[in-house]
Each structure stands twice: as C-alpha cells, then as structure tokens.
Amino acid sequence: MVFTVTLLLYAVLQFIAFIFVLVATPLDMFRVKDLGRFGNTPCLTLWGGKENCNTVRSDTSYVELWSFCPDRLARFRLAEVFAVISIFVYGSAALLGFIVVFCCTCLRWICLALNIGGALTVCVVWVLMVFDYQHADGLCPAINTRFNFGNGFGLFLAANFLDIINIVLLLIPCKPMDPSKENTQW
C-alpha cells in the first residue's frame, strides 16, 4: 500500500471541517450581547429565533420575526440552503479523502474540486450572515445592535479556514512512499 503524509493530513483536516459544518448548521449564528456566549441566552440560528439557545427547537420563525424585512428573510433562507449543500460537499470530500489515502490517489482531483466548491458554499453562508450583522433592512435594524456573532458562525469560519488549507495540501505534489521499500539501515 502506498502512503503519503500530506494526503493523510488532508483526510483528517477534511473530516474535522465536515464535523464543524455539521455542528455549526443548527447552532447559533448570533447571541444577545452582554449575556455571554454560553447559558440560557436568546439567540438567532439559521432556522429561527430561540429564547433559550440550549434548546433544540426554535421559538420564533423568521417569517414572523422579519415579516417587514423580506430581503433579510431571503438571505437567511439562502444561507440555510448553502449550509445544507455544504454538509453534503464537505461530507463527500471527507469520505473521498480517506479513500484517497488508502487506495485511489486519482480521486485527489475530485477532492480538490469538492474543496473549492465547499469553500465557496460555506463562504456564502458566513458572508450573508456578516452582511445582515452590519446592515439594516427596511424596518429591521442591523443585527449588531442587539447581537454578537455566535458559536455556529465561528465554526463556519473555522471550517472555511480548514478547507482553504486543504486546497493548498491537495495542490502540493507528493510522491507516495512504499513502506516495504523504505531504507531500514541505520
């Protein structure tokens, strides 16, 4: 079996990035200011508003919350779609990454394409969130007037950063090492 440390590092980092995207999608994008990042604080997720961010379900839908802000509602819906697409892209890249490590290095270029696509889809999610954080929409003030960025937002950024590192790793030419032909002389 041929083995490269670069591809193993890629597979591990891609799996971590996949977990980050998977966990970030239902978590808070924004938390109420001055109440801390953890605990029973109100927050906004991609899917709705919560009075207690530790619960699973949303208390308020964005259709109710932003009925006078159709553009903001559309941006959150678009971010939801891209977050779900990102889960599938990152998951596929992680699965193919482990296949590349153990048998089929020709799939490396498919992994590269998936990583570029994943970097773009996650970037769309966090850019839309930053836009709404900074800008008012109709009768709705900018989100930064009452909220700070949440844990889910940070995980999306971390996943995007890991994805960019993985793109670089996949572009590095690497020669596979065959452990059976390794020089064992000291």
N, C-alpha and C. Protein backbone atom coordinates (compact mmCIF):
# COMPACT_ATOMS: atom_id res chain seq x y z
N MET A 1 0.84 -1.18 0.00
CA MET A 1 0.00 0.00 0.00
C MET A 1 0.88 1.25 0.00
N VAL A 2 0.54 2.22 -0.84
CA VAL A 2 1.28 3.47 -0.88
C VAL A 2 0.66 4.43 0.12
N PHE A 3 1.50 5.34 0.62
CA PHE A 3 1.06 6.19 1.71
C PHE A 3 1.71 7.56 1.59
N THR A 4 0.94 8.62 1.79
CA THR A 4 1.51 9.96 1.85
C THR A 4 0.98 10.67 3.09
N VAL A 5 1.88 11.32 3.75
CA VAL A 5 1.52 12.07 4.96
C VAL A 5 0.62 13.25 4.59
N THR A 6 0.88 13.87 3.45
CA THR A 6 0.09 15.01 3.00
C THR A 6 -1.38 14.63 2.82
N LEU A 7 -1.61 13.49 2.18
CA LEU A 7 -3.00 13.07 1.96
C LEU A 7 -3.67 12.63 3.26
N LEU A 8 -2.91 12.04 4.16
CA LEU A 8 -3.47 11.69 5.47
C LEU A 8 -3.86 12.95 6.24
N LEU A 9 -2.99 13.95 6.21
CA LEU A 9 -3.30 15.23 6.86
C LEU A 9 -4.54 15.85 6.23
N TYR A 10 -4.62 15.78 4.90
CA TYR A 10 -5.81 16.28 4.21
C TYR A 10 -7.08 15.58 4.72
N ALA A 11 -7.05 14.27 4.78
CA ALA A 11 -8.24 13.50 5.18
C ALA A 11 -8.67 13.84 6.60
N VAL A 12 -7.71 13.97 7.50
CA VAL A 12 -8.04 14.29 8.89
C VAL A 12 -8.61 15.70 9.00
N LEU A 13 -7.96 16.68 8.36
CA LEU A 13 -8.46 18.05 8.41
C LEU A 13 -9.83 18.18 7.75
N GLN A 14 -10.04 17.44 6.67
CA GLN A 14 -11.34 17.50 5.98
C GLN A 14 -12.44 16.90 6.85
N PHE A 15 -12.12 15.84 7.57
CA PHE A 15 -13.11 15.25 8.48
C PHE A 15 -13.45 16.24 9.59
N ILE A 16 -12.45 16.92 10.13
CA ILE A 16 -12.70 17.93 11.17
C ILE A 16 -13.56 19.07 10.61
N ALA A 17 -13.25 19.52 9.39
CA ALA A 17 -14.04 20.59 8.76
C ALA A 17 -15.48 20.13 8.55
N PHE A 18 -15.67 18.88 8.15
CA PHE A 18 -17.02 18.34 7.98
C PHE A 18 -17.79 18.36 9.30
N ILE A 19 -17.14 17.95 10.37
CA ILE A 19 -17.79 17.98 11.69
C ILE A 19 -18.15 19.41 12.07
N PHE A 20 -17.25 20.36 11.81
CA PHE A 20 -17.53 21.77 12.11
C PHE A 20 -18.78 22.25 11.38
N VAL A 21 -18.89 21.95 10.08
CA VAL A 21 -20.05 22.39 9.30
C VAL A 21 -21.31 21.70 9.80
N LEU A 22 -21.21 20.42 10.08
CA LEU A 22 -22.36 19.66 10.56
C LEU A 22 -22.87 20.20 11.90
N VAL A 23 -21.96 20.54 12.79
CA VAL A 23 -22.34 21.06 14.11
C VAL A 23 -22.78 22.53 14.02
N ALA A 24 -22.14 23.31 13.15
CA ALA A 24 -22.44 24.74 13.05
C ALA A 24 -23.82 25.02 12.48
N THR A 25 -24.30 24.16 11.60
CA THR A 25 -25.55 24.43 10.90
C THR A 25 -26.74 24.64 11.85
N PRO A 26 -26.96 23.82 12.88
CA PRO A 26 -28.09 24.10 13.77
C PRO A 26 -27.76 25.07 14.91
N LEU A 27 -26.50 25.41 15.10
CA LEU A 27 -26.12 26.28 16.23
C LEU A 27 -26.42 27.74 15.94
N ASP A 28 -26.18 28.56 16.96
CA ASP A 28 -26.46 29.99 16.90
C ASP A 28 -25.50 30.72 15.97
N MET A 29 -26.06 31.59 15.14
CA MET A 29 -25.25 32.50 14.34
C MET A 29 -25.00 33.79 15.12
N PHE A 30 -25.99 34.15 15.96
CA PHE A 30 -25.90 35.38 16.74
C PHE A 30 -26.46 35.14 18.14
N ARG A 31 -25.77 35.74 19.15
CA ARG A 31 -26.23 35.67 20.55
C ARG A 31 -26.44 37.09 21.06
N VAL A 32 -27.40 37.23 21.97
CA VAL A 32 -27.69 38.53 22.55
C VAL A 32 -26.44 39.07 23.24
N LYS A 33 -26.17 40.36 23.04
CA LYS A 33 -25.00 41.00 23.65
C LYS A 33 -25.12 41.01 25.17
N ASP A 34 -23.99 41.05 25.83
CA ASP A 34 -23.87 41.24 27.28
C ASP A 34 -24.42 40.09 28.13
N LEU A 35 -24.83 38.99 27.53
CA LEU A 35 -25.30 37.85 28.32
C LEU A 35 -24.37 36.66 28.22
N GLY A 36 -23.28 36.79 27.48
CA GLY A 36 -22.30 35.72 27.38
C GLY A 36 -22.59 34.77 26.23
N ARG A 37 -21.59 33.96 25.93
CA ARG A 37 -21.70 33.02 24.81
C ARG A 37 -22.39 31.71 25.20
N PHE A 38 -22.44 31.42 26.47
CA PHE A 38 -22.98 30.14 26.91
C PHE A 38 -24.12 30.38 27.89
N GLY A 39 -24.93 29.39 28.06
CA GLY A 39 -26.03 29.51 29.02
C GLY A 39 -27.36 29.74 28.33
N ASN A 40 -28.35 30.09 29.15
CA ASN A 40 -29.72 30.28 28.67
C ASN A 40 -29.91 31.68 28.11
N THR A 41 -29.33 31.94 26.97
CA THR A 41 -29.43 33.25 26.36
C THR A 41 -30.22 33.16 25.06
N PRO A 42 -30.94 34.21 24.70
CA PRO A 42 -31.61 34.24 23.41
C PRO A 42 -30.59 34.27 22.27
N CYS A 43 -30.96 33.66 21.15
CA CYS A 43 -30.04 33.63 20.01
C CYS A 43 -30.82 33.50 18.70
N LEU A 44 -30.11 33.73 17.62
CA LEU A 44 -30.65 33.54 16.28
C LEU A 44 -29.83 32.45 15.59
N THR A 45 -30.51 31.45 15.06
CA THR A 45 -29.85 30.40 14.28
C THR A 45 -30.21 30.64 12.82
N LEU A 46 -29.76 29.78 11.94
CA LEU A 46 -30.18 29.87 10.54
C LEU A 46 -31.67 29.56 10.40
N TRP A 47 -32.24 28.86 11.37
CA TRP A 47 -33.59 28.31 11.23
C TRP A 47 -34.65 29.06 12.01
N GLY A 48 -34.26 29.97 12.89
CA GLY A 48 -35.24 30.72 13.66
C GLY A 48 -34.64 31.29 14.93
N GLY A 49 -35.46 32.04 15.66
CA GLY A 49 -35.01 32.63 16.91
C GLY A 49 -35.34 31.72 18.09
N LYS A 50 -34.48 31.75 19.10
CA LYS A 50 -34.68 30.94 20.31
C LYS A 50 -34.59 31.84 21.54
N GLU A 51 -35.48 31.64 22.48
CA GLU A 51 -35.39 32.33 23.76
C GLU A 51 -34.31 31.70 24.63
N ASN A 52 -34.14 30.40 24.51
CA ASN A 52 -33.11 29.66 25.23
C ASN A 52 -32.27 28.92 24.18
N CYS A 53 -31.05 29.36 24.01
CA CYS A 53 -30.22 28.82 22.93
C CYS A 53 -29.82 27.37 23.17
N ASN A 54 -30.01 26.85 24.38
CA ASN A 54 -29.66 25.46 24.66
C ASN A 54 -30.74 24.47 24.22
N THR A 55 -31.89 24.96 23.80
CA THR A 55 -32.95 24.06 23.35
C THR A 55 -32.75 23.69 21.89
N VAL A 56 -33.45 22.65 21.48
CA VAL A 56 -33.30 22.16 20.11
C VAL A 56 -34.18 22.92 19.13
N ARG A 57 -35.38 23.25 19.53
CA ARG A 57 -36.30 23.83 18.56
C ARG A 57 -36.36 25.35 18.68
N SER A 58 -36.72 25.98 17.57
CA SER A 58 -36.85 27.43 17.52
C SER A 58 -38.18 27.86 18.12
N ASP A 59 -38.17 29.01 18.80
CA ASP A 59 -39.39 29.56 19.38
C ASP A 59 -40.11 30.50 18.42
N THR A 60 -39.35 31.16 17.57
CA THR A 60 -39.90 32.15 16.66
C THR A 60 -39.40 31.88 15.25
N SER A 61 -40.32 31.85 14.31
CA SER A 61 -39.89 31.67 12.91
C SER A 61 -39.50 33.02 12.34
N TYR A 62 -38.64 33.00 11.35
CA TYR A 62 -38.22 34.25 10.73
C TYR A 62 -39.31 34.87 9.89
N VAL A 63 -40.29 34.09 9.47
CA VAL A 63 -41.42 34.66 8.74
C VAL A 63 -42.16 35.63 9.65
N GLU A 64 -42.30 35.28 10.93
CA GLU A 64 -42.93 36.18 11.92
C GLU A 64 -41.99 37.32 12.29
N LEU A 65 -40.75 36.97 12.60
CA LEU A 65 -39.79 37.94 13.12
C LEU A 65 -39.46 39.02 12.09
N TRP A 66 -39.29 38.64 10.85
CA TRP A 66 -38.87 39.58 9.81
C TRP A 66 -39.92 39.74 8.71
N SER A 67 -41.17 39.83 9.12
CA SER A 67 -42.24 39.98 8.13
C SER A 67 -42.12 41.30 7.37
N PHE A 68 -41.50 42.29 7.98
CA PHE A 68 -41.32 43.58 7.31
C PHE A 68 -39.94 43.71 6.67
N CYS A 69 -39.18 42.63 6.65
CA CYS A 69 -37.82 42.63 6.09
C CYS A 69 -37.66 41.47 5.12
N PRO A 70 -38.31 41.54 3.97
CA PRO A 70 -38.27 40.39 3.05
C PRO A 70 -36.87 40.08 2.52
N ASP A 71 -36.03 41.08 2.37
CA ASP A 71 -34.68 40.82 1.87
C ASP A 71 -33.85 40.05 2.89
N ARG A 72 -33.98 40.40 4.16
CA ARG A 72 -33.25 39.67 5.21
C ARG A 72 -33.76 38.23 5.29
N LEU A 73 -35.05 38.05 5.22
CA LEU A 73 -35.62 36.71 5.24
C LEU A 73 -35.08 35.88 4.07
N ALA A 74 -35.01 36.49 2.89
CA ALA A 74 -34.48 35.78 1.71
C ALA A 74 -33.01 35.41 1.90
N ARG A 75 -32.23 36.31 2.51
CA ARG A 75 -30.81 36.00 2.75
C ARG A 75 -30.65 34.85 3.74
N PHE A 76 -31.46 34.81 4.79
CA PHE A 76 -31.38 33.70 5.74
C PHE A 76 -31.81 32.39 5.08
N ARG A 77 -32.82 32.43 4.25
CA ARG A 77 -33.25 31.21 3.53
C ARG A 77 -32.14 30.73 2.60
N LEU A 78 -31.48 31.66 1.92
CA LEU A 78 -30.36 31.31 1.04
C LEU A 78 -29.21 30.71 1.85
N ALA A 79 -28.93 31.28 3.01
CA ALA A 79 -27.87 30.75 3.88
C ALA A 79 -28.22 29.33 4.34
N GLU A 80 -29.49 29.07 4.64
CA GLU A 80 -29.92 27.72 5.02
C GLU A 80 -29.61 26.72 3.91
N VAL A 81 -29.96 27.09 2.68
CA VAL A 81 -29.74 26.20 1.53
C VAL A 81 -28.26 25.92 1.36
N PHE A 82 -27.44 26.96 1.42
CA PHE A 82 -26.00 26.76 1.23
C PHE A 82 -25.37 25.99 2.40
N ALA A 83 -25.91 26.13 3.60
CA ALA A 83 -25.39 25.35 4.73
C ALA A 83 -25.66 23.86 4.52
N VAL A 84 -26.85 23.52 4.04
CA VAL A 84 -27.17 22.11 3.79
C VAL A 84 -26.33 21.57 2.64
N ILE A 85 -26.16 22.35 1.59
CA ILE A 85 -25.29 21.93 0.48
C ILE A 85 -23.88 21.70 0.99
N SER A 86 -23.41 22.58 1.87
CA SER A 86 -22.05 22.45 2.42
C SER A 86 -21.87 21.16 3.20
N ILE A 87 -22.89 20.74 3.92
CA ILE A 87 -22.80 19.47 4.66
C ILE A 87 -22.52 18.33 3.69
N PHE A 88 -23.25 18.28 2.60
CA PHE A 88 -23.05 17.20 1.63
C PHE A 88 -21.70 17.30 0.92
N VAL A 89 -21.28 18.51 0.58
CA VAL A 89 -20.00 18.68 -0.11
C VAL A 89 -18.84 18.31 0.82
N TYR A 90 -18.87 18.80 2.04
CA TYR A 90 -17.80 18.50 3.00
C TYR A 90 -17.79 17.02 3.37
N GLY A 91 -18.96 16.43 3.52
CA GLY A 91 -19.03 15.00 3.82
C GLY A 91 -18.48 14.15 2.69
N SER A 92 -18.81 14.51 1.46
CA SER A 92 -18.27 13.78 0.30
C SER A 92 -16.76 13.92 0.22
N ALA A 93 -16.27 15.13 0.46
CA ALA A 93 -14.82 15.36 0.41
C ALA A 93 -14.10 14.58 1.51
N ALA A 94 -14.71 14.49 2.69
CA ALA A 94 -14.09 13.72 3.78
C ALA A 94 -14.05 12.24 3.44
N LEU A 95 -15.15 11.72 2.93
CA LEU A 95 -15.20 10.30 2.56
C LEU A 95 -14.19 9.98 1.46
N LEU A 96 -14.17 10.80 0.42
CA LEU A 96 -13.20 10.58 -0.66
C LEU A 96 -11.77 10.79 -0.17
N GLY A 97 -11.58 11.66 0.81
CA GLY A 97 -10.24 11.88 1.36
C GLY A 97 -9.67 10.61 1.97
N PHE A 98 -10.48 9.88 2.71
CA PHE A 98 -9.99 8.62 3.29
C PHE A 98 -9.80 7.55 2.23
N ILE A 99 -10.62 7.57 1.19
CA ILE A 99 -10.42 6.63 0.08
C ILE A 99 -9.11 6.95 -0.64
N VAL A 100 -8.82 8.24 -0.82
CA VAL A 100 -7.57 8.65 -1.47
C VAL A 100 -6.37 8.18 -0.66
N VAL A 101 -6.45 8.28 0.65
CA VAL A 101 -5.32 7.89 1.50
C VAL A 101 -5.02 6.40 1.36
N PHE A 102 -6.05 5.59 1.33
CA PHE A 102 -5.84 4.15 1.40
C PHE A 102 -5.80 3.42 0.06
N CYS A 103 -6.32 4.02 -1.01
CA CYS A 103 -6.25 3.22 -2.24
C CYS A 103 -6.17 4.03 -3.52
N CYS A 104 -7.01 4.97 -3.74
CA CYS A 104 -7.19 5.52 -5.09
C CYS A 104 -6.77 6.99 -5.15
N THR A 105 -5.49 7.24 -5.38
CA THR A 105 -4.99 8.62 -5.38
C THR A 105 -5.50 9.43 -6.57
N CYS A 106 -6.06 8.78 -7.58
CA CYS A 106 -6.59 9.52 -8.72
C CYS A 106 -7.82 10.37 -8.33
N LEU A 107 -8.46 10.05 -7.22
CA LEU A 107 -9.61 10.83 -6.74
C LEU A 107 -9.19 12.15 -6.10
N ARG A 108 -7.91 12.37 -6.02
CA ARG A 108 -7.38 13.60 -5.41
C ARG A 108 -7.94 14.84 -6.10
N TRP A 109 -8.08 14.80 -7.41
CA TRP A 109 -8.56 15.96 -8.15
C TRP A 109 -10.04 16.19 -7.93
N ILE A 110 -10.78 15.12 -7.70
CA ILE A 110 -12.19 15.28 -7.35
C ILE A 110 -12.30 15.91 -5.96
N CYS A 111 -11.42 15.50 -5.06
CA CYS A 111 -11.37 16.12 -3.72
C CYS A 111 -11.07 17.61 -3.83
N LEU A 112 -10.15 17.96 -4.72
CA LEU A 112 -9.82 19.37 -4.92
C LEU A 112 -11.04 20.15 -5.39
N ALA A 113 -11.76 19.59 -6.36
CA ALA A 113 -12.98 20.26 -6.85
C ALA A 113 -14.02 20.39 -5.74
N LEU A 114 -14.18 19.34 -4.95
CA LEU A 114 -15.13 19.41 -3.83
C LEU A 114 -14.71 20.45 -2.80
N ASN A 115 -13.41 20.55 -2.54
CA ASN A 115 -12.94 21.54 -1.57
C ASN A 115 -13.15 22.96 -2.07
N ILE A 116 -12.92 23.18 -3.35
CA ILE A 116 -13.17 24.52 -3.90
C ILE A 116 -14.65 24.84 -3.81
N GLY A 117 -15.49 23.88 -4.18
CA GLY A 117 -16.94 24.08 -4.06
C GLY A 117 -17.37 24.29 -2.62
N GLY A 118 -16.80 23.51 -1.70
CA GLY A 118 -17.13 23.65 -0.28
C GLY A 118 -16.70 24.99 0.29
N ALA A 119 -15.52 25.45 -0.13
CA ALA A 119 -15.06 26.76 0.34
C ALA A 119 -16.02 27.86 -0.11
N LEU A 120 -16.52 27.73 -1.33
CA LEU A 120 -17.46 28.74 -1.84
C LEU A 120 -18.82 28.66 -1.14
N THR A 121 -19.33 27.45 -0.92
CA THR A 121 -20.65 27.35 -0.29
C THR A 121 -20.64 27.82 1.16
N VAL A 122 -19.61 27.47 1.89
CA VAL A 122 -19.52 27.95 3.29
C VAL A 122 -19.27 29.45 3.32
N CYS A 123 -18.50 29.94 2.37
CA CYS A 123 -18.24 31.38 2.29
C CYS A 123 -19.55 32.14 2.07
N VAL A 124 -20.43 31.62 1.23
CA VAL A 124 -21.73 32.26 1.01
C VAL A 124 -22.49 32.36 2.33
N VAL A 125 -22.47 31.30 3.13
CA VAL A 125 -23.20 31.30 4.40
C VAL A 125 -22.69 32.40 5.31
N TRP A 126 -21.38 32.44 5.55
CA TRP A 126 -20.91 33.41 6.54
C TRP A 126 -20.90 34.84 5.99
N VAL A 127 -20.75 35.01 4.68
CA VAL A 127 -20.82 36.37 4.11
C VAL A 127 -22.24 36.92 4.25
N LEU A 128 -23.25 36.09 4.00
CA LEU A 128 -24.63 36.54 4.19
C LEU A 128 -24.90 36.92 5.65
N MET A 129 -24.34 36.17 6.58
CA MET A 129 -24.52 36.48 8.00
C MET A 129 -23.82 37.79 8.37
N VAL A 130 -22.63 38.00 7.84
CA VAL A 130 -21.90 39.25 8.12
C VAL A 130 -22.67 40.44 7.53
N PHE A 131 -23.22 40.26 6.34
CA PHE A 131 -23.98 41.35 5.72
C PHE A 131 -25.16 41.75 6.61
N ASP A 132 -25.93 40.77 7.07
CA ASP A 132 -27.07 41.10 7.93
C ASP A 132 -26.65 41.62 9.29
N TYR A 133 -25.49 41.21 9.76
CA TYR A 133 -24.97 41.71 11.02
C TYR A 133 -24.67 43.21 10.92
N GLN A 134 -24.20 43.64 9.76
CA GLN A 134 -23.76 45.03 9.59
C GLN A 134 -24.83 45.97 9.04
N HIS A 135 -25.81 45.45 8.30
CA HIS A 135 -26.74 46.31 7.56
C HIS A 135 -28.19 46.16 8.04
N ALA A 136 -28.86 47.31 8.11
CA ALA A 136 -30.29 47.32 8.40
C ALA A 136 -31.05 46.94 7.13
N ASP A 137 -32.27 46.45 7.31
CA ASP A 137 -33.10 46.06 6.17
C ASP A 137 -34.52 46.55 6.42
N GLY A 138 -34.91 47.59 5.73
CA GLY A 138 -36.25 48.14 5.91
C GLY A 138 -36.46 48.61 7.34
N LEU A 139 -37.46 48.05 7.99
CA LEU A 139 -37.76 48.41 9.38
C LEU A 139 -36.93 47.62 10.38
N CYS A 140 -36.13 46.69 9.91
CA CYS A 140 -35.31 45.86 10.80
C CYS A 140 -33.91 46.46 10.94
N PRO A 141 -33.48 46.73 12.18
CA PRO A 141 -32.13 47.28 12.36
C PRO A 141 -31.07 46.22 12.07
N ALA A 142 -29.84 46.68 11.96
CA ALA A 142 -28.73 45.74 11.79
C ALA A 142 -28.69 44.81 13.00
N ILE A 143 -28.32 43.57 12.77
CA ILE A 143 -28.32 42.58 13.85
C ILE A 143 -27.32 42.96 14.95
N ASN A 144 -26.26 43.69 14.59
CA ASN A 144 -25.23 44.04 15.58
C ASN A 144 -25.72 45.02 16.64
N THR A 145 -26.92 45.56 16.50
CA THR A 145 -27.44 46.45 17.53
C THR A 145 -27.81 45.69 18.80
N ARG A 146 -28.19 44.41 18.67
CA ARG A 146 -28.59 43.62 19.84
C ARG A 146 -27.82 42.32 20.01
N PHE A 147 -27.09 41.90 18.97
CA PHE A 147 -26.47 40.58 18.99
C PHE A 147 -24.99 40.64 18.65
N ASN A 148 -24.25 39.66 19.14
CA ASN A 148 -22.87 39.38 18.73
C ASN A 148 -22.88 38.09 17.91
N PHE A 149 -21.77 37.83 17.23
CA PHE A 149 -21.67 36.57 16.49
C PHE A 149 -21.70 35.40 17.47
N GLY A 150 -22.29 34.30 17.04
CA GLY A 150 -22.42 33.12 17.90
C GLY A 150 -21.42 32.03 17.58
N ASN A 151 -21.56 30.92 18.27
CA ASN A 151 -20.64 29.80 18.14
C ASN A 151 -20.73 29.13 16.77
N GLY A 152 -21.92 29.00 16.25
CA GLY A 152 -22.09 28.39 14.93
C GLY A 152 -21.38 29.18 13.85
N PHE A 153 -21.46 30.50 13.95
CA PHE A 153 -20.77 31.35 12.98
C PHE A 153 -19.26 31.11 13.03
N GLY A 154 -18.71 31.02 14.24
CA GLY A 154 -17.28 30.76 14.38
C GLY A 154 -16.87 29.41 13.81
N LEU A 155 -17.72 28.40 13.97
CA LEU A 155 -17.42 27.08 13.40
C LEU A 155 -17.45 27.11 11.87
N PHE A 156 -18.36 27.90 11.29
CA PHE A 156 -18.36 28.04 9.83
C PHE A 156 -17.06 28.69 9.35
N LEU A 157 -16.59 29.70 10.07
CA LEU A 157 -15.32 30.33 9.69
C LEU A 157 -14.16 29.36 9.83
N ALA A 158 -14.14 28.58 10.90
CA ALA A 158 -13.06 27.60 11.10
C ALA A 158 -13.08 26.54 10.01
N ALA A 159 -14.27 26.08 9.63
CA ALA A 159 -14.38 25.08 8.55
C ALA A 159 -13.89 25.66 7.24
N ASN A 160 -14.21 26.92 6.98
CA ASN A 160 -13.74 27.57 5.75
C ASN A 160 -12.22 27.69 5.74
N PHE A 161 -11.64 28.02 6.89
CA PHE A 161 -10.19 28.12 7.01
C PHE A 161 -9.53 26.76 6.77
N LEU A 162 -10.07 25.70 7.37
CA LEU A 162 -9.53 24.35 7.16
C LEU A 162 -9.66 23.93 5.70
N ASP A 163 -10.73 24.33 5.07
CA ASP A 163 -10.94 23.98 3.66
C ASP A 163 -9.89 24.65 2.78
N ILE A 164 -9.55 25.88 3.07
CA ILE A 164 -8.51 26.58 2.30
C ILE A 164 -7.15 25.91 2.51
N ILE A 165 -6.86 25.51 3.74
CA ILE A 165 -5.62 24.75 4.00
C ILE A 165 -5.61 23.46 3.19
N ASN A 166 -6.75 22.78 3.13
CA ASN A 166 -6.84 21.53 2.38
C ASN A 166 -6.66 21.73 0.88
N ILE A 167 -7.13 22.84 0.36
CA ILE A 167 -6.91 23.13 -1.06
C ILE A 167 -5.42 23.23 -1.33
N VAL A 168 -4.70 23.91 -0.45
CA VAL A 168 -3.24 24.03 -0.61
C VAL A 168 -2.59 22.65 -0.50
N LEU A 169 -3.02 21.84 0.46
CA LEU A 169 -2.45 20.50 0.62
C LEU A 169 -2.66 19.64 -0.62
N LEU A 170 -3.82 19.77 -1.24
CA LEU A 170 -4.10 18.97 -2.43
C LEU A 170 -3.30 19.44 -3.65
N LEU A 171 -2.87 20.69 -3.63
CA LEU A 171 -2.08 21.21 -4.75
C LEU A 171 -0.59 20.88 -4.63
N ILE A 172 -0.17 20.46 -3.44
CA ILE A 172 1.24 20.09 -3.25
C ILE A 172 1.48 18.75 -3.93
N PRO A 173 2.43 18.71 -4.87
CA PRO A 173 2.73 17.41 -5.48
C PRO A 173 3.39 16.50 -4.45
N CYS A 174 2.95 15.28 -4.40
CA CYS A 174 3.51 14.36 -3.41
C CYS A 174 3.76 13.01 -4.06
N LYS A 175 4.90 12.44 -3.69
CA LYS A 175 5.23 11.10 -4.14
C LYS A 175 4.82 10.13 -3.06
N PRO A 176 4.09 9.10 -3.42
CA PRO A 176 3.72 8.11 -2.41
C PRO A 176 4.94 7.36 -1.91
N MET A 177 4.94 7.06 -0.63
CA MET A 177 6.02 6.27 -0.04
C MET A 177 5.52 4.84 0.10
N ASP A 178 6.34 3.91 -0.31
CA ASP A 178 6.00 2.50 -0.15
C ASP A 178 6.78 1.99 1.05
N PRO A 179 6.10 1.69 2.15
CA PRO A 179 6.81 1.27 3.36
C PRO A 179 7.65 0.01 3.17
N SER A 180 7.32 -0.83 2.21
CA SER A 180 8.10 -2.05 2.00
C SER A 180 9.45 -1.77 1.38
N LYS A 181 9.61 -0.59 0.77
CA LYS A 181 10.88 -0.24 0.13
C LYS A 181 11.65 0.81 0.91
N GLU A 182 11.26 1.02 2.12
CA GLU A 182 11.89 2.02 2.96
C GLU A 182 13.30 1.56 3.35
N ASN A 183 14.21 2.51 3.42
CA ASN A 183 15.59 2.21 3.81
C ASN A 183 15.60 1.96 5.32
N THR A 184 15.91 0.73 5.71
CA THR A 184 15.90 0.37 7.13
C THR A 184 17.28 0.35 7.74
N GLN A 185 18.29 0.77 6.98
CA GLN A 185 19.64 0.79 7.53
C GLN A 185 19.82 2.03 8.39
N TRP A 186 20.49 1.85 9.51
CA TRP A 186 20.75 2.96 10.40
C TRP A 186 22.11 3.44 10.15
